[in-house]
């Protein structure tokens, strides 16, 4: 039922807000394939592109400060770390940390993952 509501509020040619979750998971899946030395399927986007599209979609619906966005930033920060793009990684991880703190989720597993990823950047 809630999906119908989101579809009704989506604009012509734009994914519903729930599409951000799908895009994030596509990015995570592609990131895992690449980390295992596999190739992503033909026609797939790169993980960064999926993460960026998901962030843009949430922002377009005015949901750019929620838990899904924090999670995407966490994954994108880890991706940047793996690619040696440490300044971008620090920025994404700091934004994710701030969002989790604003939501009072310092005891969450996701917050712990952000702190762990930040620690790896210091090594």
C-alpha atoms as a PDB file:
ATOM      1  CA  UNK A   1       0.000   0.000   0.000  1.00  0.00           C
ATOM      2  CA  UNK A   2       2.769   2.482   0.884  1.00  0.00           C
ATOM      3  CA  UNK A   3       4.466   1.782  -2.449  1.00  0.00           C
ATOM      4  CA  UNK A   4       1.299   2.953  -4.221  1.00  0.00           C
ATOM      5  CA  UNK A   5       1.505   6.231  -2.315  1.00  0.00           C
ATOM      6  CA  UNK A   6       5.107   6.750  -3.392  1.00  0.00           C
ATOM      7  CA  UNK A   7       4.260   5.964  -7.006  1.00  0.00           C
ATOM      8  CA  UNK A   8       1.426   8.462  -6.899  1.00  0.00           C
ATOM      9  CA  UNK A   9       3.835  11.151  -5.700  1.00  0.00           C
ATOM     10  CA  UNK A  10       6.618  10.402  -8.175  1.00  0.00           C
ATOM     11  CA  UNK A  11       7.042  12.724 -11.104  1.00  0.00           C
ATOM     12  CA  UNK A  12       6.805  11.641 -14.720  1.00  0.00           C
ATOM     13  CA  UNK A  13       9.875   9.612 -15.646  1.00  0.00           C
ATOM     14  CA  UNK A  14      11.343   9.658 -12.121  1.00  0.00           C
ATOM     15  CA  UNK A  15      11.719   6.646  -9.862  1.00  0.00           C
ATOM     16  CA  UNK A  16       9.635   6.646  -6.708  1.00  0.00           C
ATOM     17  CA  UNK A  17      11.521   7.461  -3.531  1.00  0.00           C
ATOM     18  CA  UNK A  18      11.790   3.715  -2.747  1.00  0.00           C
ATOM     19  CA  UNK A  19      13.969   3.455  -5.853  1.00  0.00           C
ATOM     20  CA  UNK A  20      16.796   4.967  -3.806  1.00  0.00           C
ATOM     21  CA  UNK A  21      16.986   1.775  -1.747  1.00  0.00           C
ATOM     22  CA  UNK A  22      17.179  -0.312  -4.936  1.00  0.00           C
ATOM     23  CA  UNK A  23      19.889   1.917  -6.423  1.00  0.00           C
ATOM     24  CA  UNK A  24      21.902   1.738  -3.200  1.00  0.00           C
ATOM     25  CA  UNK A  25      21.713  -2.064  -3.179  1.00  0.00           C
ATOM     26  CA  UNK A  26      22.741  -2.250  -6.836  1.00  0.00           C
ATOM     27  CA  UNK A  27      25.774  -0.145  -5.924  1.00  0.00           C
ATOM     28  CA  UNK A  28      26.591  -2.403  -2.984  1.00  0.00           C
ATOM     29  CA  UNK A  29      26.222  -5.513  -5.148  1.00  0.00           C
ATOM     30  CA  UNK A  30      28.471  -4.157  -7.879  1.00  0.00           C
ATOM     31  CA  UNK A  31      30.988  -3.005  -5.271  1.00  0.00           C
ATOM     32  CA  UNK A  32      31.083  -6.537  -3.817  1.00  0.00           C
ATOM     33  CA  UNK A  33      31.580  -8.102  -7.254  1.00  0.00           C
ATOM     34  CA  UNK A  34      34.484  -5.791  -8.007  1.00  0.00           C
ATOM     35  CA  UNK A  35      36.033  -6.386  -4.570  1.00  0.00           C
ATOM     36  CA  UNK A  36      35.967 -10.128  -5.290  1.00  0.00           C
ATOM     37  CA  UNK A  37      37.757  -9.583  -8.606  1.00  0.00           C
ATOM     38  CA  UNK A  38      34.624 -10.211 -10.649  1.00  0.00           C
ATOM     39  CA  UNK A  39      33.234  -8.042 -13.421  1.00  0.00           C
ATOM     40  CA  UNK A  40      29.943  -6.257 -13.163  1.00  0.00           C
ATOM     41  CA  UNK A  41      27.290  -7.419 -15.639  1.00  0.00           C
ATOM     42  CA  UNK A  42      27.257  -5.725 -19.039  1.00  0.00           C
ATOM     43  CA  UNK A  43      25.037  -2.675 -19.047  1.00  0.00           C
ATOM     44  CA  UNK A  44      25.413  -2.117 -15.315  1.00  0.00           C
ATOM     45  CA  UNK A  45      26.505   1.189 -13.925  1.00  0.00           C
ATOM     46  CA  UNK A  46      29.568   1.527 -11.736  1.00  0.00           C
ATOM     47  CA  UNK A  47      28.903   1.447  -7.970  1.00  0.00           C
ATOM     48  CA  UNK A  48      29.633   5.168  -7.610  1.00  0.00           C
ATOM     49  CA  UNK A  49      27.010   5.976 -10.240  1.00  0.00           C
ATOM     50  CA  UNK A  50      24.369   3.948  -8.414  1.00  0.00           C
ATOM     51  CA  UNK A  51      25.239   5.623  -5.101  1.00  0.00           C
ATOM     52  CA  UNK A  52      25.138   9.095  -6.673  1.00  0.00           C
ATOM     53  CA  UNK A  53      21.783   8.422  -8.333  1.00  0.00           C
ATOM     54  CA  UNK A  54      20.336   7.156  -5.062  1.00  0.00           C
ATOM     55  CA  UNK A  55      21.518  10.280  -3.227  1.00  0.00           C
ATOM     56  CA  UNK A  56      20.072  12.526  -5.945  1.00  0.00           C
ATOM     57  CA  UNK A  57      16.764  10.685  -5.804  1.00  0.00           C
ATOM     58  CA  UNK A  58      16.431  11.015  -2.028  1.00  0.00           C
ATOM     59  CA  UNK A  59      17.377  14.701  -2.276  1.00  0.00           C
ATOM     60  CA  UNK A  60      14.742  15.269  -4.981  1.00  0.00           C
ATOM     61  CA  UNK A  61      12.099  13.985  -2.563  1.00  0.00           C
ATOM     62  CA  UNK A  62      13.366  16.162   0.276  1.00  0.00           C
ATOM     63  CA  UNK A  63      14.776  13.156   2.141  1.00  0.00           C
ATOM     64  CA  UNK A  64      18.464  14.043   1.935  1.00  0.00           C
ATOM     65  CA  UNK A  65      19.105  13.762   5.679  1.00  0.00           C
ATOM     66  CA  UNK A  66      17.667  10.380   6.638  1.00  0.00           C
ATOM     67  CA  UNK A  67      19.101   6.990   7.532  1.00  0.00           C
ATOM     68  CA  UNK A  68      19.148   5.760   3.929  1.00  0.00           C
ATOM     69  CA  UNK A  69      21.301   8.718   2.883  1.00  0.00           C
ATOM     70  CA  UNK A  70      23.669   8.130   5.800  1.00  0.00           C
ATOM     71  CA  UNK A  71      23.993   4.501   4.753  1.00  0.00           C
ATOM     72  CA  UNK A  72      24.691   5.431   1.112  1.00  0.00           C
ATOM     73  CA  UNK A  73      27.335   7.937   2.213  1.00  0.00           C
ATOM     74  CA  UNK A  74      28.930   5.240   4.349  1.00  0.00           C
ATOM     75  CA  UNK A  75      29.139   2.862   1.393  1.00  0.00           C
ATOM     76  CA  UNK A  76      30.311   5.580  -0.978  1.00  0.00           C
ATOM     77  CA  UNK A  77      32.988   6.602   1.540  1.00  0.00           C
ATOM     78  CA  UNK A  78      34.238   3.028   1.676  1.00  0.00           C
ATOM     79  CA  UNK A  79      34.273   2.901  -2.118  1.00  0.00           C
ATOM     80  CA  UNK A  80      36.330   6.102  -2.249  1.00  0.00           C
ATOM     81  CA  UNK A  81      38.726   4.655   0.335  1.00  0.00           C
ATOM     82  CA  UNK A  82      39.266   1.561  -1.792  1.00  0.00           C
ATOM     83  CA  UNK A  83      39.976   3.761  -4.803  1.00  0.00           C
ATOM     84  CA  UNK A  84      42.520   5.860  -2.894  1.00  0.00           C
ATOM     85  CA  UNK A  85      40.287   8.950  -2.955  1.00  0.00           C
ATOM     86  CA  UNK A  86      40.817   9.732   0.699  1.00  0.00           C
ATOM     87  CA  UNK A  87      39.580  13.332   0.781  1.00  0.00           C
ATOM     88  CA  UNK A  88      36.252  12.320  -0.769  1.00  0.00           C
ATOM     89  CA  UNK A  89      36.066   9.331   1.576  1.00  0.00           C
ATOM     90  CA  UNK A  90      36.644  11.542   4.633  1.00  0.00           C
ATOM     91  CA  UNK A  91      33.955  13.948   3.475  1.00  0.00           C
ATOM     92  CA  UNK A  92      31.338  11.231   2.890  1.00  0.00           C
ATOM     93  CA  UNK A  93      32.131   9.443   6.139  1.00  0.00           C
ATOM     94  CA  UNK A  94      31.994  12.677   8.132  1.00  0.00           C
ATOM     95  CA  UNK A  95      28.599  13.520   6.598  1.00  0.00           C
ATOM     96  CA  UNK A  96      27.331  10.016   7.409  1.00  0.00           C
ATOM     97  CA  UNK A  97      28.626  10.296  10.986  1.00  0.00           C
ATOM     98  CA  UNK A  98      26.914  13.667  11.430  1.00  0.00           C
ATOM     99  CA  UNK A  99      23.614  12.287  10.102  1.00  0.00           C
ATOM    100  CA  UNK A 100      23.714   9.283  12.434  1.00  0.00           C
ATOM    101  CA  UNK A 101      24.502  11.586  15.356  1.00  0.00           C
ATOM    102  CA  UNK A 102      21.648  13.942  14.415  1.00  0.00           C
ATOM    103  CA  UNK A 103      19.301  10.917  14.428  1.00  0.00           C
ATOM    104  CA  UNK A 104      20.649   9.744  17.808  1.00  0.00           C
ATOM    105  CA  UNK A 105      21.995   6.517  16.316  1.00  0.00           C
ATOM    106  CA  UNK A 106      25.460   6.481  17.893  1.00  0.00           C
ATOM    107  CA  UNK A 107      24.808   2.970  19.245  1.00  0.00           C
ATOM    108  CA  UNK A 108      23.846   1.584  15.819  1.00  0.00           C
ATOM    109  CA  UNK A 109      25.883  -0.892  13.813  1.00  0.00           C
ATOM    110  CA  UNK A 110      25.958   1.557  10.895  1.00  0.00           C
ATOM    111  CA  UNK A 111      27.459   4.282  13.062  1.00  0.00           C
ATOM    112  CA  UNK A 112      30.085   1.805  14.224  1.00  0.00           C
ATOM    113  CA  UNK A 113      30.869   0.968  10.599  1.00  0.00           C
ATOM    114  CA  UNK A 114      31.364   4.658   9.833  1.00  0.00           C
ATOM    115  CA  UNK A 115      33.757   5.020  12.779  1.00  0.00           C
ATOM    116  CA  UNK A 116      35.635   1.874  11.678  1.00  0.00           C
ATOM    117  CA  UNK A 117      35.961   3.215   8.122  1.00  0.00           C
ATOM    118  CA  UNK A 118      37.177   6.549   9.475  1.00  0.00           C
ATOM    119  CA  UNK A 119      39.766   4.714  11.541  1.00  0.00           C
ATOM    120  CA  UNK A 120      41.035   2.885   8.465  1.00  0.00           C
ATOM    121  CA  UNK A 121      41.670   6.233   6.791  1.00  0.00           C
ATOM    122  CA  UNK A 122      43.980   7.179   9.663  1.00  0.00           C
ATOM    123  CA  UNK A 123      46.199   4.103   9.240  1.00  0.00           C
END
